[in-house]
Protein backbone atom coordinates (compact mmCIF):
# COMPACT_ATOMS: atom_id res chain seq x y z
CA MET A 1 -70.03 -198.88 192.96
CA ALA A 2 -69.89 -202.03 190.79
CA ARG A 3 -67.95 -200.22 188.05
CA THR A 4 -65.46 -198.72 190.53
CA THR A 5 -64.81 -202.12 192.16
CA LYS A 6 -64.15 -203.76 188.75
CA LYS A 7 -61.57 -201.13 187.80
CA LYS A 8 -59.73 -201.47 191.13
CA SER A 9 -59.72 -205.26 190.77
CA THR A 10 -58.30 -205.05 187.23
CA ALA A 11 -55.57 -202.61 188.28
CA LEU A 12 -54.64 -204.86 191.22
CA GLU A 13 -54.38 -207.92 188.96
CA GLY A 14 -52.12 -206.00 186.58
CA GLU A 15 -49.76 -205.02 189.40
CA GLN A 16 -49.59 -208.63 190.60
CA GLU A 17 -48.75 -209.87 187.08
CA MET A 18 -45.94 -207.32 186.75
CA GLU A 19 -44.46 -208.41 190.11
CA MET A 20 -44.57 -212.08 189.02
CA MET A 21 -42.84 -211.28 185.70
CA GLU A 22 -40.07 -209.39 187.53
CA GLU A 23 -39.45 -212.40 189.76
CA MET A 24 -39.31 -214.86 186.80
CA PRO A 25 -35.90 -215.67 185.26
CA GLY A 26 -35.06 -214.45 181.75
CA ASN A 27 -36.35 -216.30 178.72
CA ILE A 28 -34.33 -219.39 177.72
CA ILE A 29 -33.94 -219.93 173.97
CA LEU A 30 -33.02 -223.46 172.98
CA MET A 31 -30.84 -223.43 169.86
CA PRO A 32 -30.98 -226.47 167.54
CA PRO A 33 -27.76 -228.44 167.21
CA PRO A 34 -25.56 -227.25 164.34
CA ALA A 35 -26.25 -229.03 161.05
CA PRO A 36 -23.39 -231.08 159.63
CA GLU A 37 -21.34 -229.22 157.05
CA ILE A 38 -22.47 -230.02 153.51
CA LYS A 39 -19.64 -230.43 151.04
CA LEU A 40 -20.85 -229.72 147.54
CA ARG A 41 -18.32 -231.45 145.31
CA LYS A 42 -20.10 -231.31 141.97
CA ILE A 43 -19.13 -229.43 138.83
CA GLY A 44 -20.93 -229.33 135.52
CA LEU A 45 -20.17 -228.83 131.88
CA ILE A 46 -23.52 -227.85 130.39
CA GLY A 47 -23.40 -226.42 126.88
CA ASP A 48 -20.67 -225.95 124.31
CA VAL A 49 -17.04 -226.83 125.02
CA ASP A 50 -15.25 -223.48 124.75
CA GLU A 51 -12.48 -221.50 126.42
CA GLU A 52 -14.70 -220.04 129.17
CA LYS A 53 -16.26 -223.38 130.13
CA SER A 54 -12.84 -225.04 130.02
CA SER A 55 -11.40 -222.40 132.36
CA ASP A 56 -14.28 -222.85 134.84
CA VAL A 57 -13.96 -226.64 134.86
CA ILE A 58 -10.17 -226.63 135.22
CA HIS A 59 -10.19 -224.18 138.14
CA ALA A 60 -13.02 -226.12 139.82
CA LEU A 61 -11.16 -229.42 139.49
CA TYR A 62 -8.02 -228.07 141.17
CA TYR A 63 -10.04 -226.29 143.87
CA LEU A 64 -12.14 -229.35 144.74
CA ARG A 65 -9.09 -231.59 144.84
CA GLU A 66 -7.39 -229.38 147.44
CA THR A 67 -10.53 -228.80 149.54
CA GLY A 68 -11.26 -232.54 149.53
CA ARG A 69 -7.85 -233.45 150.92
CA TYR A 70 -7.75 -235.21 154.33
CA GLU A 71 -5.47 -237.39 156.42
CA VAL A 72 -6.16 -241.06 157.12
CA PRO A 73 -4.74 -242.14 160.53
CA PRO A 74 -2.04 -244.83 160.31
CA ALA A 75 -3.01 -248.44 160.96
CA THR A 76 -0.14 -248.84 163.45
CA LYS A 77 1.60 -246.55 165.91
CA ARG A 78 4.74 -246.48 163.81
CA GLY A 79 2.89 -245.91 160.56
CA LYS A 80 2.56 -242.60 158.80
CA PRO A 81 -0.78 -240.91 158.05
CA LYS A 82 -1.99 -241.31 154.48
CA ILE A 83 -3.31 -238.46 152.38
CA ASP A 84 -6.60 -239.17 150.63
CA TYR A 85 -9.20 -237.13 148.74
CA ASP A 86 -12.99 -236.98 148.56
CA PRO A 87 -14.17 -237.74 144.99
CA ILE A 88 -15.38 -235.09 142.55
CA ASP A 89 -18.66 -235.48 140.64
CA PHE A 90 -18.47 -234.12 137.08
CA ILE A 91 -21.80 -233.82 135.21
CA ILE A 92 -21.57 -233.51 131.41
CA SER A 93 -24.22 -232.52 128.88
CA THR A 94 -22.84 -231.01 125.68
CA HIS A 95 -23.06 -230.96 121.90
CA GLY A 96 -19.27 -230.63 121.82
CA GLY A 97 -17.07 -227.78 120.70
CA SER A 98 -13.40 -226.79 120.62
CA ALA A 99 -10.89 -229.65 120.34
CA SER A 100 -8.10 -227.66 122.02
CA ASP A 101 -10.29 -226.86 125.03
CA MET A 102 -11.38 -230.50 125.18
CA PHE A 103 -7.73 -231.59 125.33
CA ALA A 104 -7.02 -228.99 128.04
CA MET A 105 -9.72 -230.46 130.30
CA HIS A 106 -8.71 -234.01 129.40
CA ASP A 107 -5.07 -233.41 130.43
CA VAL A 108 -6.10 -231.81 133.75
CA MET A 109 -8.51 -234.68 134.47
CA ARG A 110 -5.71 -237.18 133.84
CA GLU A 111 -3.55 -235.38 136.40
CA ILE A 112 -6.27 -234.89 139.03
CA ARG A 113 -7.52 -238.49 138.94
CA LYS A 114 -4.06 -239.81 139.94
CA ASP A 115 -4.89 -238.65 143.50
CA CYS A 116 -8.59 -237.83 143.47
CA GLU A 117 -11.37 -239.85 141.84
CA ILE A 118 -13.47 -238.06 139.22
CA HIS A 119 -16.97 -239.53 138.87
CA THR A 120 -18.28 -238.47 135.46
CA PHE A 121 -22.00 -238.53 134.71
CA GLY A 122 -23.31 -238.04 131.17
CA VAL A 123 -26.89 -236.77 130.89
CA GLY A 124 -29.09 -235.55 128.05
CA LYS A 125 -26.51 -235.47 125.28
CA VAL A 126 -22.80 -236.27 125.27
CA MET A 127 -21.46 -235.54 121.82
CA SER A 128 -18.20 -234.91 119.99
CA ALA A 129 -15.70 -233.42 122.49
CA GLY A 130 -17.93 -234.48 125.39
CA VAL A 131 -17.36 -238.18 124.63
CA LEU A 132 -13.68 -238.03 125.56
CA LEU A 133 -14.46 -236.05 128.73
CA LEU A 134 -17.06 -238.58 129.88
CA ALA A 135 -14.61 -241.41 129.20
CA SER A 136 -11.84 -239.58 131.10
CA GLY A 137 -13.43 -240.15 134.50
CA THR A 138 -12.11 -242.71 136.97
CA LYS A 139 -12.67 -246.18 135.55
CA GLY A 140 -15.61 -247.91 137.19
CA LYS A 141 -17.08 -244.55 138.28
CA ARG A 142 -18.35 -243.26 134.92
CA LYS A 143 -22.15 -243.10 134.79
CA ILE A 144 -24.51 -242.32 131.95
CA GLY A 145 -28.20 -241.57 132.03
CA LYS A 146 -30.47 -244.14 130.41
CA ASN A 147 -31.92 -241.50 128.07
CA CYS A 148 -28.58 -239.89 127.21
CA ARG A 149 -27.57 -239.87 123.53
CA VAL A 150 -23.90 -240.19 122.64
CA MET A 151 -22.51 -239.00 119.31
CA MET A 152 -19.02 -239.30 117.81
CA HIS A 153 -17.56 -237.90 114.63
CA SER A 154 -14.18 -237.03 113.17
CA VAL A 155 -12.52 -233.70 113.88
CA ILE A 156 -14.10 -230.79 112.01
CA GLY A 157 -12.07 -227.85 110.75
CA GLY A 158 -12.71 -224.89 108.53
CA ASN A 159 -10.57 -222.13 107.09
CA SER A 160 -10.06 -219.99 104.02
CA GLY A 161 -7.16 -218.23 102.39
CA PRO A 162 -4.14 -219.06 100.24
CA ILE A 163 -3.62 -222.70 99.32
CA PHE A 164 -0.44 -222.89 101.41
CA ASN A 165 -2.42 -221.91 104.52
CA LEU A 166 -5.10 -224.46 103.70
CA GLU A 167 -2.51 -227.21 103.32
CA ASN A 168 -0.99 -226.20 106.65
CA GLU A 169 -4.42 -226.24 108.33
CA MET A 170 -5.20 -229.66 106.87
CA SER A 171 -1.99 -231.01 108.35
CA GLU A 172 -2.96 -229.63 111.77
CA ILE A 173 -6.46 -231.13 111.52
CA ARG A 174 -4.97 -234.55 110.76
CA ALA A 175 -2.64 -234.23 113.77
CA THR A 176 -5.59 -233.28 115.99
CA GLN A 177 -7.58 -236.23 114.66
CA ASP A 178 -4.71 -238.60 115.44
CA ARG A 179 -4.46 -237.27 119.02
CA TYR A 180 -8.22 -237.58 119.45
CA ILE A 181 -8.20 -241.20 118.28
CA ALA A 182 -5.25 -242.03 120.54
CA ALA A 183 -7.01 -240.45 123.54
CA LEU A 184 -10.26 -242.33 122.86
CA ARG A 185 -8.35 -245.58 122.53
CA SER A 186 -6.61 -245.03 125.90
CA GLU A 187 -9.83 -244.14 127.75
CA THR A 188 -12.24 -246.69 126.26
CA LYS A 189 -12.40 -250.29 125.06
CA MET A 190 -12.28 -249.20 121.41
CA THR A 191 -9.32 -250.01 119.20
CA VAL A 192 -7.75 -247.57 116.73
CA LYS A 193 -9.15 -249.66 113.86
CA GLN A 194 -12.65 -249.56 115.35
CA ILE A 195 -12.55 -245.78 115.82
CA ASN A 196 -11.24 -245.27 112.29
CA ASN A 197 -14.06 -247.43 110.96
CA PHE A 198 -16.58 -245.23 112.77
CA PHE A 199 -15.03 -242.03 111.45
CA GLY A 200 -14.63 -243.55 107.98
CA ARG A 201 -18.39 -243.57 107.55
CA HIS A 202 -18.24 -239.75 107.24
CA VAL A 203 -21.44 -239.36 109.25
CA ASP A 204 -22.26 -238.68 112.88
CA ILE A 205 -22.25 -241.96 114.86
CA TYR A 206 -25.09 -242.06 117.42
CA LEU A 207 -25.00 -244.45 120.36
CA SER A 208 -27.43 -245.38 123.13
CA ALA A 209 -26.34 -245.39 126.77
CA GLU A 210 -26.05 -249.17 126.67
CA GLU A 211 -23.89 -249.06 123.53
CA ALA A 212 -21.65 -246.44 125.14
CA VAL A 213 -21.06 -248.80 128.07
CA LYS A 214 -20.20 -251.69 125.73
CA LEU A 215 -17.59 -249.50 124.03
CA GLY A 216 -16.10 -248.46 127.38
CA ILE A 217 -17.11 -244.79 127.16
CA ALA A 218 -19.01 -245.22 130.43
CA ASP A 219 -19.37 -247.96 133.04
CA ILE A 220 -22.89 -247.76 134.49
CA VAL A 221 -26.32 -246.90 133.05
CA VAL A 222 -28.54 -245.15 135.60
C-alpha cells in the first residue's frame, strides 16, 4: 500500500505542475541595450613600400575620408551646416621601398589632409621612404614610438645596359632625389642644405625618436 500511495502522489504532483506551467505567461527575455557602433579608422603600412601596399593605403585613405564625413549644425538659425571629418590614424613601420609608390601615397595624403586630419604614428622602424610618409601627417598630430628608429639616405637606383641608358637612368635618379629633398623640406623643419649634408655623408643616417621630433619629422614621442 505504501508504494502505491507514493506513485499516486507523484503522479498528482506532476499534473499540478503542468497545470501551473500552462497558466504562467511565456518566458520574457531581456535583451541588452545595443552597443555603440565602433568606428575603426586605422590603417597601417607594415613592411616594404611597394605597389600593392601603396594601392591598399590609397584606397583606405579615400574610403575612410568619405565614411568619416558628418555635418556640424550651424551656430545660428541662418547659418549653414559645416562639413567635417573624423580623423584617420595611419600606423607606419617600414624599411622603405619604392620611391614612386612613396610619392603616390604622399600626394594622396596631401590631398586628404586638406579636409580630414591624418594622425601618423611611427613604430618599430621608419626608414627611407617611410620617413616622408610619417612627416606627411597633419602637423601637430604626428606621433613616434619612443623605441622607434628612423633612418634616412639618398635615393638608391640600379640598372644595367648600354651607356646611353645608364646616363638616362642617372638623370632620372637625380630628378627623384631633388623631388625627395623638396618634399622633406616642405614637411619637416629641415632645410635643403641640411638634408644635402645628411645625404652627402654617403651612409645611412640613423635618428632616435627624440631627434626625429627635433628635425620636424614627427611632433610627439609616446
